[in-house]
N, C-alpha and C. Protein backbone atom coordinates (compact mmCIF):
# COMPACT_ATOMS: atom_id res chain seq x y z
N MET A 1 136.03 -56.00 -42.79
CA MET A 1 135.10 -55.27 -43.63
C MET A 1 133.98 -56.19 -44.13
N ILE A 2 134.35 -57.39 -44.55
CA ILE A 2 133.35 -58.31 -45.08
C ILE A 2 132.41 -58.78 -43.97
N PHE A 3 132.95 -58.92 -42.74
CA PHE A 3 132.10 -59.32 -41.62
C PHE A 3 131.06 -58.25 -41.31
N THR A 4 131.44 -56.99 -41.43
CA THR A 4 130.51 -55.90 -41.19
C THR A 4 129.39 -55.90 -42.21
N ILE A 5 129.72 -56.14 -43.46
CA ILE A 5 128.72 -56.16 -44.51
C ILE A 5 127.75 -57.33 -44.32
N ILE A 6 128.28 -58.50 -43.99
CA ILE A 6 127.41 -59.66 -43.76
C ILE A 6 126.54 -59.45 -42.52
N PHE A 7 127.10 -58.85 -41.48
CA PHE A 7 126.32 -58.55 -40.28
C PHE A 7 125.19 -57.57 -40.60
N LEU A 8 125.46 -56.56 -41.41
CA LEU A 8 124.42 -55.61 -41.79
C LEU A 8 123.34 -56.27 -42.64
N ILE A 9 123.73 -57.22 -43.49
CA ILE A 9 122.73 -57.96 -44.27
C ILE A 9 121.82 -58.75 -43.35
N PHE A 10 122.41 -59.42 -42.35
CA PHE A 10 121.60 -60.15 -41.38
C PHE A 10 120.70 -59.21 -40.58
N ALA A 11 121.19 -58.04 -40.23
CA ALA A 11 120.40 -57.08 -39.46
C ALA A 11 119.22 -56.56 -40.29
N ILE A 12 119.45 -56.27 -41.54
CA ILE A 12 118.36 -55.82 -42.42
C ILE A 12 117.36 -56.95 -42.63
N LEU A 13 117.86 -58.16 -42.77
CA LEU A 13 116.98 -59.32 -42.90
C LEU A 13 116.14 -59.52 -41.64
N LEU A 14 116.72 -59.28 -40.47
CA LEU A 14 115.98 -59.35 -39.21
C LEU A 14 114.82 -58.37 -39.18
N ILE A 15 115.08 -57.15 -39.57
CA ILE A 15 114.05 -56.12 -39.55
C ILE A 15 112.95 -56.46 -40.55
N PHE A 16 113.33 -56.86 -41.76
CA PHE A 16 112.35 -57.17 -42.80
C PHE A 16 111.47 -58.36 -42.40
N THR A 17 112.08 -59.45 -41.92
CA THR A 17 111.30 -60.63 -41.60
C THR A 17 110.42 -60.43 -40.37
N SER A 18 110.87 -59.62 -39.41
CA SER A 18 110.02 -59.37 -38.25
C SER A 18 108.79 -58.55 -38.64
N ILE A 19 108.96 -57.58 -39.52
CA ILE A 19 107.81 -56.79 -39.98
C ILE A 19 106.85 -57.67 -40.78
N LYS A 20 107.39 -58.52 -41.65
CA LYS A 20 106.53 -59.41 -42.44
C LYS A 20 105.80 -60.42 -41.55
N ALA A 21 106.45 -60.91 -40.50
CA ALA A 21 105.81 -61.88 -39.61
C ALA A 21 104.64 -61.26 -38.85
N VAL A 22 104.73 -60.00 -38.54
CA VAL A 22 103.66 -59.34 -37.80
C VAL A 22 102.52 -58.91 -38.71
N HIS A 23 102.84 -58.44 -39.91
CA HIS A 23 101.82 -57.84 -40.78
C HIS A 23 101.21 -58.78 -41.81
N ASP A 24 101.65 -60.01 -41.89
CA ASP A 24 101.09 -60.93 -42.89
C ASP A 24 99.72 -61.41 -42.43
N LYS A 25 98.77 -61.47 -43.35
CA LYS A 25 97.40 -61.87 -43.02
C LYS A 25 97.26 -63.38 -42.88
N ASN A 26 98.05 -64.14 -43.60
CA ASN A 26 97.97 -65.59 -43.55
C ASN A 26 98.82 -66.10 -42.38
N ILE A 27 98.23 -66.95 -41.55
CA ILE A 27 98.91 -67.40 -40.34
C ILE A 27 100.10 -68.30 -40.68
N VAL A 28 99.95 -69.15 -41.68
CA VAL A 28 101.04 -70.05 -42.06
C VAL A 28 102.20 -69.26 -42.64
N HIS A 29 101.90 -68.25 -43.42
CA HIS A 29 102.98 -67.40 -43.95
C HIS A 29 103.67 -66.64 -42.83
N SER A 30 102.90 -66.21 -41.85
CA SER A 30 103.47 -65.51 -40.70
C SER A 30 104.41 -66.43 -39.92
N ALA A 31 104.03 -67.70 -39.76
CA ALA A 31 104.91 -68.66 -39.09
C ALA A 31 106.18 -68.91 -39.89
N THR A 32 106.05 -68.90 -41.21
CA THR A 32 107.23 -69.07 -42.06
C THR A 32 108.16 -67.87 -41.94
N TRP A 33 107.61 -66.67 -41.90
CA TRP A 33 108.44 -65.49 -41.70
C TRP A 33 109.11 -65.51 -40.33
N LEU A 34 108.40 -66.04 -39.32
CA LEU A 34 109.00 -66.18 -38.00
C LEU A 34 110.19 -67.13 -38.04
N MET A 35 110.07 -68.20 -38.82
CA MET A 35 111.18 -69.14 -38.96
C MET A 35 112.39 -68.46 -39.61
N PHE A 36 112.14 -67.68 -40.67
CA PHE A 36 113.24 -66.95 -41.30
C PHE A 36 113.86 -65.93 -40.35
N PHE A 37 113.02 -65.30 -39.52
CA PHE A 37 113.53 -64.38 -38.52
C PHE A 37 114.47 -65.07 -37.54
N LEU A 38 114.07 -66.26 -37.09
CA LEU A 38 114.91 -66.97 -36.13
C LEU A 38 116.21 -67.47 -36.76
N PHE A 39 116.17 -67.85 -38.04
CA PHE A 39 117.40 -68.22 -38.74
C PHE A 39 118.35 -67.03 -38.85
N SER A 40 117.82 -65.87 -39.19
CA SER A 40 118.69 -64.70 -39.31
C SER A 40 119.19 -64.23 -37.94
N MET A 41 118.40 -64.43 -36.90
CA MET A 41 118.87 -64.11 -35.55
C MET A 41 120.03 -65.03 -35.15
N ALA A 42 119.94 -66.30 -35.53
CA ALA A 42 121.05 -67.22 -35.27
C ALA A 42 122.29 -66.78 -36.04
N GLY A 43 122.10 -66.28 -37.25
CA GLY A 43 123.24 -65.76 -38.02
C GLY A 43 123.90 -64.57 -37.34
N VAL A 44 123.10 -63.70 -36.75
CA VAL A 44 123.65 -62.56 -36.01
C VAL A 44 124.43 -63.05 -34.80
N PHE A 45 123.90 -64.05 -34.11
CA PHE A 45 124.62 -64.59 -32.95
C PHE A 45 125.94 -65.21 -33.37
N VAL A 46 125.98 -65.87 -34.51
CA VAL A 46 127.23 -66.46 -34.99
C VAL A 46 128.26 -65.37 -35.25
N PHE A 47 127.84 -64.28 -35.88
CA PHE A 47 128.79 -63.21 -36.17
C PHE A 47 129.19 -62.43 -34.93
N LEU A 48 128.41 -62.52 -33.86
CA LEU A 48 128.81 -61.90 -32.60
C LEU A 48 129.70 -62.80 -31.76
N GLY A 49 129.93 -64.03 -32.23
CA GLY A 49 130.80 -64.94 -31.53
C GLY A 49 130.10 -65.83 -30.53
N ALA A 50 128.78 -65.88 -30.57
CA ALA A 50 128.01 -66.71 -29.64
C ALA A 50 127.41 -67.88 -30.40
N SER A 51 128.27 -68.78 -30.83
CA SER A 51 127.79 -69.88 -31.66
C SER A 51 126.96 -70.89 -30.86
N LEU A 52 127.21 -71.00 -29.56
CA LEU A 52 126.41 -71.91 -28.73
C LEU A 52 124.97 -71.41 -28.64
N ILE A 53 124.78 -70.13 -28.43
CA ILE A 53 123.44 -69.57 -28.37
C ILE A 53 122.74 -69.71 -29.72
N ALA A 54 123.49 -69.53 -30.80
CA ALA A 54 122.91 -69.68 -32.14
C ALA A 54 122.45 -71.11 -32.38
N SER A 55 123.24 -72.07 -31.99
CA SER A 55 122.85 -73.47 -32.20
C SER A 55 121.69 -73.86 -31.30
N ILE A 56 121.66 -73.37 -30.07
CA ILE A 56 120.53 -73.65 -29.18
C ILE A 56 119.26 -73.01 -29.74
N GLU A 57 119.37 -71.81 -30.27
CA GLU A 57 118.20 -71.16 -30.86
C GLU A 57 117.68 -71.92 -32.06
N LEU A 58 118.58 -72.42 -32.89
CA LEU A 58 118.13 -73.20 -34.04
C LEU A 58 117.47 -74.50 -33.61
N LEU A 59 118.04 -75.17 -32.62
CA LEU A 59 117.48 -76.44 -32.18
C LEU A 59 116.15 -76.26 -31.45
N VAL A 60 116.10 -75.30 -30.54
CA VAL A 60 114.90 -75.16 -29.71
C VAL A 60 113.81 -74.41 -30.44
N TYR A 61 114.11 -73.21 -30.92
CA TYR A 61 113.05 -72.38 -31.49
C TYR A 61 112.63 -72.85 -32.88
N VAL A 62 113.58 -72.97 -33.79
CA VAL A 62 113.22 -73.36 -35.15
C VAL A 62 112.88 -74.83 -35.20
N GLY A 63 113.65 -75.65 -34.52
CA GLY A 63 113.44 -77.08 -34.60
C GLY A 63 112.23 -77.57 -33.86
N ALA A 64 111.83 -76.92 -32.81
CA ALA A 64 110.72 -77.43 -32.01
C ALA A 64 109.50 -76.51 -32.03
N ILE A 65 109.67 -75.27 -31.64
CA ILE A 65 108.52 -74.41 -31.45
C ILE A 65 107.85 -74.05 -32.76
N VAL A 66 108.60 -73.65 -33.77
CA VAL A 66 107.99 -73.31 -35.05
C VAL A 66 107.38 -74.54 -35.70
N THR A 67 108.01 -75.69 -35.56
CA THR A 67 107.46 -76.91 -36.13
C THR A 67 106.14 -77.27 -35.46
N VAL A 68 106.06 -77.18 -34.14
CA VAL A 68 104.80 -77.44 -33.43
C VAL A 68 103.75 -76.41 -33.82
N LEU A 69 104.15 -75.15 -33.97
CA LEU A 69 103.22 -74.11 -34.37
C LEU A 69 102.63 -74.39 -35.75
N VAL A 70 103.48 -74.77 -36.69
CA VAL A 70 103.00 -75.06 -38.05
C VAL A 70 102.10 -76.29 -38.06
N PHE A 71 102.46 -77.34 -37.34
CA PHE A 71 101.59 -78.52 -37.28
C PHE A 71 100.26 -78.18 -36.63
N THR A 72 100.27 -77.36 -35.59
CA THR A 72 99.02 -76.95 -34.95
C THR A 72 98.14 -76.17 -35.91
N LEU A 73 98.74 -75.27 -36.66
CA LEU A 73 97.97 -74.49 -37.61
C LEU A 73 97.42 -75.37 -38.73
N MET A 74 98.20 -76.34 -39.16
CA MET A 74 97.72 -77.22 -40.22
C MET A 74 96.58 -78.11 -39.71
N LEU A 75 96.69 -78.61 -38.50
CA LEU A 75 95.66 -79.53 -37.99
C LEU A 75 94.37 -78.81 -37.60
N THR A 76 94.47 -77.58 -37.13
CA THR A 76 93.27 -76.85 -36.74
C THR A 76 92.69 -76.06 -37.89
N GLY A 77 93.35 -76.05 -39.02
CA GLY A 77 92.83 -75.30 -40.16
C GLY A 77 92.90 -73.81 -39.94
N GLY A 78 94.10 -73.31 -39.64
CA GLY A 78 94.28 -71.89 -39.37
C GLY A 78 93.80 -71.03 -40.52
N LYS A 79 92.93 -70.09 -40.20
CA LYS A 79 92.35 -69.21 -41.21
C LYS A 79 93.09 -67.89 -41.21
N GLU A 80 92.78 -67.10 -42.22
CA GLU A 80 93.36 -65.76 -42.29
C GLU A 80 92.70 -64.86 -41.27
N PHE A 81 93.45 -63.83 -40.85
CA PHE A 81 92.88 -62.86 -39.93
C PHE A 81 91.85 -62.02 -40.65
N GLU A 82 90.84 -61.64 -39.93
CA GLU A 82 89.77 -60.82 -40.52
C GLU A 82 90.14 -59.36 -40.46
């Protein structure tokens, strides 16, 4: 029962963070919401029993791609969408 409740919390968090990542006007905030989305996706994978996929997702996507994205936005002076 508790696993179902935690899984539903992660699922709701997935939906909320994905909507915020798409609709946020600030690019840096959108990248931050993307990072939270990927963390919650890793949580869903853990509760589905795929801990290897969750750890690979954390290392590759959150650890590398989002970090490079944020550094790129900071160095190029990412502006808000018009």
